[in-house]
C-alpha cells in the first residue's frame, strides 16, 4: 500500500509517490515488471483488480502514474506510448463528430497535424485563437465547443496564456480547459490547481529528462474521464512498456534539481542572446518585455529552459547557425540534459506551413541543457559569428 504523500514537498513526492519498497524483497527501487500476463487465482481472480494482461495494467506503469499524479496534484494519471498517443486518446475520449475545440495559434505542430488532418475527417471542427487574448478565445468559442486546448509556455514562440482566465471562459461555455504542461513541467506550474480540467504531457521531454525514452501522460481529477481514458487505452493499446515506464519514473525523480539548472542556464543564454547584434528578437517569458511576463510570473515558479530567437539576416542565416553549433546538437525534441537546437519552420513545425500557425522562417529554438552555461554561450557566440 502506497502512503499518502500529498502533504510532502515536490521533491519528496517525486521520489516517494507510488514507490514504496518492494514488499517481498525490500528493493527500494520499483522493479521492472517485464511480463505480458499474470497468473490468476481462479478464473477471473486477478491480483489487485487490473493485473490480467500488461496492455491493461502493469505495476511499473502504475507506479509511474501514481508519481505523475502526485506531482500534478491530480487524482488520476494515465500514461501512454507517446505524447501524441496521450493527446489522441484524450481527444477521442472527449470529442464526437460535430464537436468543436479552440486551439492556440502557437500550438505544437504534431497537435495541429492530428487535429487538422485526422480529427477533421471525423467531423470535429476547430478555431485558432491567440490564447494570450482572453477576449479572442471567448469569441472563438461556439455552442458546440467542448475543449479549449492550451500550451503555456507555447511551442515554439513561448507564448503565455492566463490559465485561470481561460478556465473561466471554458467553464462558462460548459467546456473543459486542457493544458499541455510539457514545457513548464509540474515543478514550474500546476494547471489543475489554477482551474484547468486536464493536463497532458509528452513525458519524453523534461519528465523523462534524458532523451532515452518516449512517452505521454494525461492527468485529471475527473473520475468518469479516467474510466473513459482507461477503456480507450486498453481497447486501442497505445501503452508504454514497463522499461519505458521505469525510465520515466527514474527520470522524474530528479525533475526539480534539473529544472533549476535548466532555468539558470536559460537565463544566462537569454542575456547573451539579447546583447548579440545578430539576434533580432528573443522569446523567453522571463524577459520583462515579454508580453506574457507578468502572467507567467504569477502562475510559474520560474520561466523554464526553452528559448527561441530570430536572426537578423533571415532564414538562411538561421539555418547556418543551426549547422555551426557543436554543444547545441541539431535535433528535434527537447527537455533532456543535453542542449539542442532546431529550426521549427523546417523541423518540428513543418506541418503548420501555410496555416495560421506557421512560424517565422528565421526562428531558431533552443532546449537549454544542464551543461556549463559558459560553454553553451561560447558555442552560440561562435555559431552566430
Protein backbone atom coordinates (compact mmCIF):
# COMPACT_ATOMS: atom_id res chain seq x y z
CA UNK A 1 0.00 0.00 0.00
CA UNK A 2 1.45 3.36 -1.07
CA UNK A 3 1.49 6.01 1.64
CA UNK A 4 -0.28 9.32 1.08
CA UNK A 5 2.40 11.81 0.01
CA UNK A 6 0.08 14.76 -0.63
CA UNK A 7 1.39 16.72 2.34
CA UNK A 8 5.04 16.47 1.28
CA UNK A 9 7.10 18.83 -0.84
CA UNK A 10 7.56 18.37 -4.57
CA UNK A 11 10.98 16.74 -4.38
CA UNK A 12 9.77 14.24 -1.77
CA UNK A 13 6.70 13.33 -3.82
CA UNK A 14 8.86 12.80 -6.90
CA UNK A 15 10.97 10.25 -5.06
CA UNK A 16 8.35 8.52 -2.92
CA UNK A 17 4.88 8.72 -4.53
CA UNK A 18 3.97 5.27 -5.86
CA UNK A 19 7.42 3.98 -4.92
CA UNK A 20 7.25 2.08 -1.66
CA UNK A 21 9.96 -0.58 -1.13
CA UNK A 22 9.00 -3.91 -2.68
CA UNK A 23 7.06 -5.84 0.00
CA UNK A 24 8.59 -9.21 -0.94
CA UNK A 25 12.30 -8.34 -1.27
CA UNK A 26 12.62 -4.88 0.25
CA UNK A 27 14.02 -3.47 -3.01
CA UNK A 28 13.91 0.32 -2.69
CA UNK A 29 13.51 0.84 -6.45
CA UNK A 30 10.30 -0.17 -8.20
CA UNK A 31 11.02 -3.34 -10.22
CA UNK A 32 10.65 -3.55 -13.97
CA UNK A 33 7.74 -5.97 -14.28
CA UNK A 34 8.78 -7.31 -17.68
CA UNK A 35 5.76 -9.54 -18.13
CA UNK A 36 2.92 -9.72 -20.61
CA UNK A 37 0.47 -11.64 -18.44
CA UNK A 38 -0.32 -12.57 -14.83
CA UNK A 39 -1.40 -15.76 -13.05
CA UNK A 40 -5.00 -15.66 -11.89
CA UNK A 41 -6.31 -17.08 -8.63
CA UNK A 42 -9.08 -18.98 -10.37
CA UNK A 43 -10.99 -17.78 -13.42
CA UNK A 44 -11.36 -14.02 -13.20
CA UNK A 45 -9.36 -13.90 -9.96
CA UNK A 46 -6.95 -11.13 -10.94
CA UNK A 47 -4.46 -9.65 -8.50
CA UNK A 48 -5.35 -6.13 -7.33
CA UNK A 49 -8.15 -5.90 -9.88
CA UNK A 50 -6.43 -4.85 -13.11
CA UNK A 51 -3.43 -7.18 -13.42
CA UNK A 52 -4.59 -9.65 -16.04
CA UNK A 53 -2.61 -8.51 -19.10
CA UNK A 54 0.03 -5.82 -19.43
CA UNK A 55 -1.84 -3.87 -22.07
CA UNK A 56 -4.47 -3.32 -19.39
CA UNK A 57 -2.15 -2.66 -16.45
CA UNK A 58 1.43 -3.19 -15.30
CA UNK A 59 2.82 -2.49 -11.80
CA UNK A 60 5.76 -0.44 -13.10
CA UNK A 61 3.36 1.68 -15.12
CA UNK A 62 1.07 2.03 -12.10
CA UNK A 63 3.95 3.39 -10.01
CA UNK A 64 4.74 5.98 -12.71
CA UNK A 65 1.10 7.02 -12.92
CA UNK A 66 0.89 7.48 -9.16
CA UNK A 67 4.09 9.52 -9.20
CA UNK A 68 2.95 11.83 -12.00
CA UNK A 69 -0.50 12.29 -10.48
CA UNK A 70 1.13 13.29 -7.19
CA UNK A 71 3.35 15.83 -8.94
CA UNK A 72 0.43 17.44 -10.81
CA UNK A 73 -1.90 17.31 -7.81
CA UNK A 74 -4.30 15.01 -9.68
CA UNK A 75 -6.42 12.09 -8.52
CA UNK A 76 -5.76 10.14 -11.70
CA UNK A 77 -2.81 9.66 -14.04
CA UNK A 78 -2.68 7.56 -17.19
CA UNK A 79 0.46 7.04 -19.24
CA UNK A 80 0.75 6.30 -22.95
CA UNK A 81 3.29 5.19 -25.53
CA UNK A 82 3.97 8.81 -26.62
CA UNK A 83 2.78 12.34 -26.04
CA UNK A 84 0.78 12.16 -29.25
CA UNK A 85 -0.83 8.88 -28.15
CA UNK A 86 -1.92 10.66 -24.96
CA UNK A 87 -3.25 13.60 -26.99
CA UNK A 88 -5.09 11.29 -29.39
CA UNK A 89 -6.70 9.30 -26.58
CA UNK A 90 -7.82 12.45 -24.81
CA UNK A 91 -9.30 13.99 -27.95
CA UNK A 92 -11.14 10.79 -28.87
CA UNK A 93 -12.44 10.39 -25.32
CA UNK A 94 -13.83 13.93 -25.11
CA UNK A 95 -14.93 14.79 -28.68
CA UNK A 96 -17.55 13.43 -31.05
CA UNK A 97 -18.50 14.31 -34.65
CA UNK A 98 -19.94 17.80 -34.70
CA UNK A 99 -17.95 18.97 -31.68
CA UNK A 100 -15.52 21.88 -31.77
CA UNK A 101 -12.36 22.93 -29.96
CA UNK A 102 -10.33 26.11 -29.69
CA UNK A 103 -6.63 25.74 -30.45
CA UNK A 104 -3.83 28.20 -29.78
CA UNK A 105 -2.21 29.96 -32.73
CA UNK A 106 1.19 28.77 -31.50
CA UNK A 107 0.41 25.11 -30.86
CA UNK A 108 2.83 22.23 -31.27
CA UNK A 109 2.93 21.10 -34.90
CA UNK A 110 2.11 17.49 -34.05
CA UNK A 111 -1.03 18.52 -32.15
CA UNK A 112 -2.11 20.73 -35.04
CA UNK A 113 -1.47 17.93 -37.56
CA UNK A 114 -3.57 15.47 -35.55
CA UNK A 115 -6.48 17.90 -35.25
CA UNK A 116 -6.27 19.36 -38.75
CA UNK A 117 -5.53 16.21 -40.74
CA UNK A 118 -7.14 13.41 -38.67
CA UNK A 119 -9.90 14.65 -36.39
CA UNK A 120 -11.27 16.94 -39.09
CA UNK A 121 -12.04 13.84 -41.17
CA UNK A 122 -14.32 12.65 -38.36
CA UNK A 123 -16.34 15.85 -38.25
CA UNK A 124 -14.52 17.64 -35.43
CA UNK A 125 -14.06 21.36 -36.06
CA UNK A 126 -11.57 23.79 -34.61
CA UNK A 127 -10.87 27.51 -34.44
CA UNK A 128 -7.43 29.02 -33.96
CA UNK A 129 -7.11 31.87 -31.48
CA UNK A 130 -4.43 33.85 -29.67
CA UNK A 131 -4.62 32.28 -26.21
CA UNK A 132 -2.97 35.33 -24.66
CA UNK A 133 -6.07 37.33 -25.67
CA UNK A 134 -8.90 36.13 -23.45
CA UNK A 135 -11.49 38.08 -25.46
CA UNK A 136 -10.29 36.42 -28.68
CA UNK A 137 -10.64 32.99 -27.06
CA UNK A 138 -14.13 33.86 -25.82
CA UNK A 139 -15.08 34.98 -29.35
CA UNK A 140 -13.79 31.69 -30.80
CA UNK A 141 -16.00 29.58 -28.53
CA UNK A 142 -19.15 28.15 -30.12
CA UNK A 143 -22.16 26.36 -28.65
CA UNK A 144 -20.59 23.06 -29.76
CA UNK A 145 -17.17 23.83 -28.21
CA UNK A 146 -16.07 21.08 -25.84
CA UNK A 147 -12.38 21.87 -25.30
CA UNK A 148 -10.01 24.80 -25.16
CA UNK A 149 -6.55 23.36 -25.87
CA UNK A 150 -3.79 25.41 -24.29
CA UNK A 151 0.01 25.31 -24.27
CA UNK A 152 1.69 27.69 -21.87
CA UNK A 153 4.51 28.36 -22.46
CA UNK A 154 3.75 27.55 -26.07
CA UNK A 155 5.90 25.86 -28.66
CA UNK A 156 7.98 27.45 -30.20
CA UNK A 157 7.22 31.14 -29.52
CA UNK A 158 6.95 30.77 -25.72
CA UNK A 159 3.57 32.45 -25.59
CA UNK A 160 1.88 32.67 -22.20
CA UNK A 161 -1.80 32.05 -21.53
CA UNK A 162 -3.60 33.02 -18.32
CA UNK A 163 -4.77 29.61 -17.06
CA UNK A 164 -7.37 30.84 -14.53
CA UNK A 165 -8.84 33.25 -17.08
CA UNK A 166 -9.10 30.57 -19.78
CA UNK A 167 -10.62 28.17 -17.26
CA UNK A 168 -13.30 30.78 -16.62
CA UNK A 169 -14.02 31.04 -20.34
CA UNK A 170 -14.16 27.27 -20.75
CA UNK A 171 -16.38 26.63 -17.76
CA UNK A 172 -18.70 29.48 -18.72
CA UNK A 173 -19.26 27.64 -22.00
CA UNK A 174 -19.64 24.18 -20.37
CA UNK A 175 -16.33 23.18 -21.93
CA UNK A 176 -13.08 21.83 -20.49
CA UNK A 177 -9.70 23.51 -20.39
CA UNK A 178 -6.79 21.23 -21.36
CA UNK A 179 -3.26 22.43 -20.63
CA UNK A 180 -0.24 20.87 -22.29
CA UNK A 181 2.25 21.33 -19.45
CA UNK A 182 5.23 19.77 -21.24
CA UNK A 183 7.35 22.94 -21.37
CA UNK A 184 6.67 24.11 -17.82
CA UNK A 185 6.52 20.70 -16.09
CA UNK A 186 4.67 20.32 -12.77
CA UNK A 187 7.72 21.67 -10.98
CA UNK A 188 7.22 25.10 -12.50
CA UNK A 189 3.43 25.13 -12.97
CA UNK A 190 0.41 23.10 -11.79
CA UNK A 191 -2.54 23.86 -14.12
CA UNK A 192 -5.13 21.81 -12.21
CA UNK A 193 -4.59 24.00 -9.16
CA UNK A 194 -5.15 27.04 -11.41
CA UNK A 195 -8.51 25.83 -12.71
CA UNK A 196 -7.66 23.58 -15.65
CA UNK A 197 -9.59 20.32 -16.03
CA UNK A 198 -6.97 18.16 -17.73
CA UNK A 199 -3.19 18.21 -18.08
CA UNK A 200 -1.27 16.44 -20.83
CA UNK A 201 2.46 15.78 -21.12
CA UNK A 202 4.97 14.45 -23.51
CA UNK A 203 6.92 12.61 -20.82
CA UNK A 204 9.62 12.19 -23.47
CA UNK A 205 10.73 15.70 -22.60
CA UNK A 206 11.54 17.12 -19.15
CA UNK A 207 9.79 14.44 -17.09
CA UNK A 208 11.94 11.67 -18.56
CA UNK A 209 14.71 14.19 -18.93
CA UNK A 210 17.46 12.11 -20.54
CA UNK A 211 16.44 11.74 -24.21
CA UNK A 212 16.27 7.97 -23.85
CA UNK A 213 12.54 7.20 -23.70
CA UNK A 214 9.30 8.20 -25.46
CA UNK A 215 6.02 8.53 -23.58
CA UNK A 216 2.98 10.61 -22.73
CA UNK A 217 0.55 11.18 -19.87
CA UNK A 218 -2.90 12.57 -19.07
CA UNK A 219 -3.70 13.82 -15.55
CA UNK A 220 -7.16 14.74 -14.26
CA UNK A 221 -9.38 14.82 -11.20
CA UNK A 222 -12.42 13.57 -13.13
CA UNK A 223 -13.37 10.00 -12.25
CA UNK A 224 -15.54 9.42 -15.32
CA UNK A 225 -12.92 10.75 -17.71
CA UNK A 226 -10.33 8.48 -16.11
CA UNK A 227 -12.56 5.49 -16.83
CA UNK A 228 -13.09 6.61 -20.44
CA UNK A 229 -9.36 7.05 -20.99
CA UNK A 230 -8.55 3.74 -19.31
CA UNK A 231 -11.07 1.94 -21.53
CA UNK A 232 -9.81 3.56 -24.74
CA UNK A 233 -6.16 2.94 -23.89
CA UNK A 234 -6.89 -0.72 -23.24
CA UNK A 235 -9.01 -1.01 -26.38
CA UNK A 236 -6.57 0.81 -28.67
CA UNK A 237 -3.38 -0.35 -27.00
CA UNK A 238 -1.05 2.67 -27.04
CA UNK A 239 0.64 1.76 -23.77
CA UNK A 240 4.23 2.31 -22.65
CA UNK A 241 6.27 -0.81 -21.99
CA UNK A 242 7.46 -1.49 -18.44
CA UNK A 243 11.05 -0.48 -19.17
CA UNK A 244 9.86 2.80 -20.72
CA UNK A 245 7.73 3.42 -17.63
CA UNK A 246 10.70 2.63 -15.38
CA UNK A 247 13.00 5.03 -17.24
CA UNK A 248 10.44 7.82 -16.97
CA UNK A 249 9.87 7.05 -13.29
CA UNK A 250 13.60 7.28 -12.69
CA UNK A 251 13.96 10.48 -14.67
CA UNK A 252 11.12 12.30 -12.91
CA UNK A 253 12.76 11.76 -9.52
CA UNK A 254 15.35 14.42 -10.35
CA UNK A 255 12.98 16.81 -12.14
CA UNK A 256 13.26 19.55 -9.51
CA UNK A 257 17.05 19.76 -9.47
CA UNK A 258 17.26 19.51 -13.26
CA UNK A 259 14.66 22.24 -13.83
CA UNK A 260 16.52 24.62 -11.54
CA UNK A 261 19.67 24.16 -13.63
CA UNK A 262 17.74 24.39 -16.93
CA UNK A 263 16.29 27.71 -15.74
CA UNK A 264 19.65 29.02 -14.53
CA UNK A 265 21.31 28.24 -17.84
CA UNK A 266 18.42 29.56 -19.93
CA UNK A 267 18.51 32.89 -18.15
CA UNK A 268 22.24 33.26 -18.88
CA UNK A 269 21.78 32.23 -22.53
CA UNK A 270 18.93 34.74 -22.92
CA UNK A 271 21.09 37.52 -21.52
CA UNK A 272 23.85 36.72 -24.03
CA UNK A 273 21.48 36.42 -26.99
CA UNK A 274 19.68 39.68 -26.16
CA UNK A 275 23.01 41.52 -26.33
CA UNK A 276 24.16 39.93 -29.61
CA UNK A 277 23.94 42.08 -32.78
CA UNK A 278 22.88 39.12 -34.95
CA UNK A 279 19.80 38.41 -32.83
CA UNK A 280 16.68 40.33 -33.83
CA UNK A 281 14.37 39.09 -31.08
CA UNK A 282 14.50 36.71 -28.12
CA UNK A 283 11.41 34.84 -26.92
CA UNK A 284 11.57 33.98 -23.22
CA UNK A 285 8.86 34.61 -20.62
CA UNK A 286 11.47 35.62 -18.07
CA UNK A 287 12.21 38.80 -20.01
CA UNK A 288 10.43 41.84 -18.60
CA UNK A 289 9.49 42.91 -22.13
CA UNK A 290 7.88 39.56 -22.95
CA UNK A 291 4.14 40.25 -23.37
CA UNK A 292 3.26 37.36 -21.07
CA UNK A 293 5.87 38.06 -18.42
CA UNK A 294 3.50 39.25 -15.68
CA UNK A 295 1.10 36.34 -16.14
CA UNK A 296 3.98 33.85 -16.22
CA UNK A 297 5.41 35.36 -13.03
CA UNK A 298 2.06 34.75 -11.30
CA UNK A 299 1.47 31.16 -12.37
CA UNK A 300 5.01 29.77 -12.77
CA UNK A 301 7.74 29.16 -10.20
CA UNK A 302 10.42 30.10 -12.77
CA UNK A 303 10.43 30.56 -16.55
CA UNK A 304 11.80 27.31 -17.94
CA UNK A 305 14.63 26.05 -20.11
CA UNK A 306 13.22 26.77 -23.58
CA UNK A 307 14.43 29.80 -25.56
CA UNK A 308 13.66 30.89 -29.12
CA UNK A 309 15.21 33.69 -31.14
CA UNK A 310 15.16 35.21 -34.62
CA UNK A 311 18.20 36.00 -36.73
CA UNK A 312 18.55 39.50 -38.16
CA UNK A 313 19.73 38.14 -41.53
CA UNK A 314 16.81 35.81 -42.23
CA UNK A 315 16.16 32.13 -42.78
CA UNK A 316 19.43 31.05 -44.38
CA UNK A 317 21.45 32.72 -41.65
CA UNK A 318 19.35 30.90 -39.06
CA UNK A 319 19.96 27.60 -40.85
CA UNK A 320 23.68 28.35 -40.92
CA UNK A 321 23.72 28.92 -37.16
CA UNK A 322 21.98 25.59 -36.56
CA UNK A 323 24.69 23.89 -38.63
CA UNK A 324 27.60 25.54 -36.81
CA UNK A 325 26.88 24.76 -33.17
CA UNK A 326 28.69 21.85 -31.56
CA UNK A 327 27.38 21.62 -27.98
CA UNK A 328 23.87 22.53 -29.11
CA UNK A 329 23.01 19.39 -31.09
CA UNK A 330 20.83 19.84 -34.18
CA UNK A 331 17.86 17.65 -33.30
CA UNK A 332 14.14 17.64 -32.66
CA UNK A 333 12.64 17.09 -29.19
CA UNK A 334 13.63 18.95 -26.03
CA UNK A 335 13.91 18.72 -22.27
CA UNK A 336 16.93 16.44 -22.00
CA UNK A 337 20.07 17.12 -20.02
CA UNK A 338 21.91 17.96 -23.26
CA UNK A 339 21.32 21.19 -25.19
CA UNK A 340 19.53 21.04 -28.56
CA UNK A 341 18.94 23.50 -31.38
CA UNK A 342 16.36 23.23 -34.14
CA UNK A 343 14.74 25.20 -36.96
CA UNK A 344 10.99 24.89 -36.22
CA UNK A 345 9.86 26.01 -39.68
CA UNK A 346 11.59 23.07 -41.34
CA UNK A 347 11.55 20.58 -38.47
CA UNK A 348 9.00 20.30 -35.63
CA UNK A 349 6.52 22.76 -37.13
CA UNK A 350 6.81 21.97 -40.83
CA UNK A 351 3.20 20.71 -40.76
CA UNK A 352 1.99 24.25 -39.94
CA UNK A 353 3.34 25.77 -43.19
CA UNK A 354 0.68 27.85 -44.92
CA UNK A 355 -1.62 27.84 -41.89
CA UNK A 356 -2.36 30.38 -39.19
CA UNK A 357 0.17 28.52 -37.04
CA UNK A 358 3.11 28.95 -39.43
CA UNK A 359 6.23 30.04 -37.55
CA UNK A 360 8.78 32.64 -38.69
CA UNK A 361 11.34 31.28 -41.15
CA UNK A 362 14.22 32.96 -39.30
CA UNK A 363 13.33 31.37 -35.96
CA UNK A 364 15.59 29.01 -34.00
CA UNK A 365 14.50 27.12 -30.90
CA UNK A 366 16.87 26.10 -28.12
CA UNK A 367 16.38 23.47 -25.47
CA UNK A 368 18.97 24.66 -22.97
CA UNK A 369 20.53 21.74 -21.15
CA UNK A 370 22.39 21.48 -17.86
CA UNK A 371 25.96 21.82 -19.15
CA UNK A 372 28.26 24.64 -18.03
CA UNK A 373 26.46 27.80 -19.16
CA UNK A 374 29.74 29.46 -20.16
CA UNK A 375 30.39 26.71 -22.67
CA UNK A 376 26.88 26.98 -24.08
CA UNK A 377 27.14 30.75 -24.51
CA UNK A 378 30.51 30.44 -26.24
CA UNK A 379 29.08 27.78 -28.57
CA UNK A 380 26.27 30.12 -29.62
CA UNK A 381 28.63 33.08 -29.94
CA UNK A 382 30.85 31.18 -32.38
CA UNK A 383 27.86 29.92 -34.38
CA UNK A 384 26.35 33.41 -34.66
CA UNK A 385 29.67 34.84 -35.85
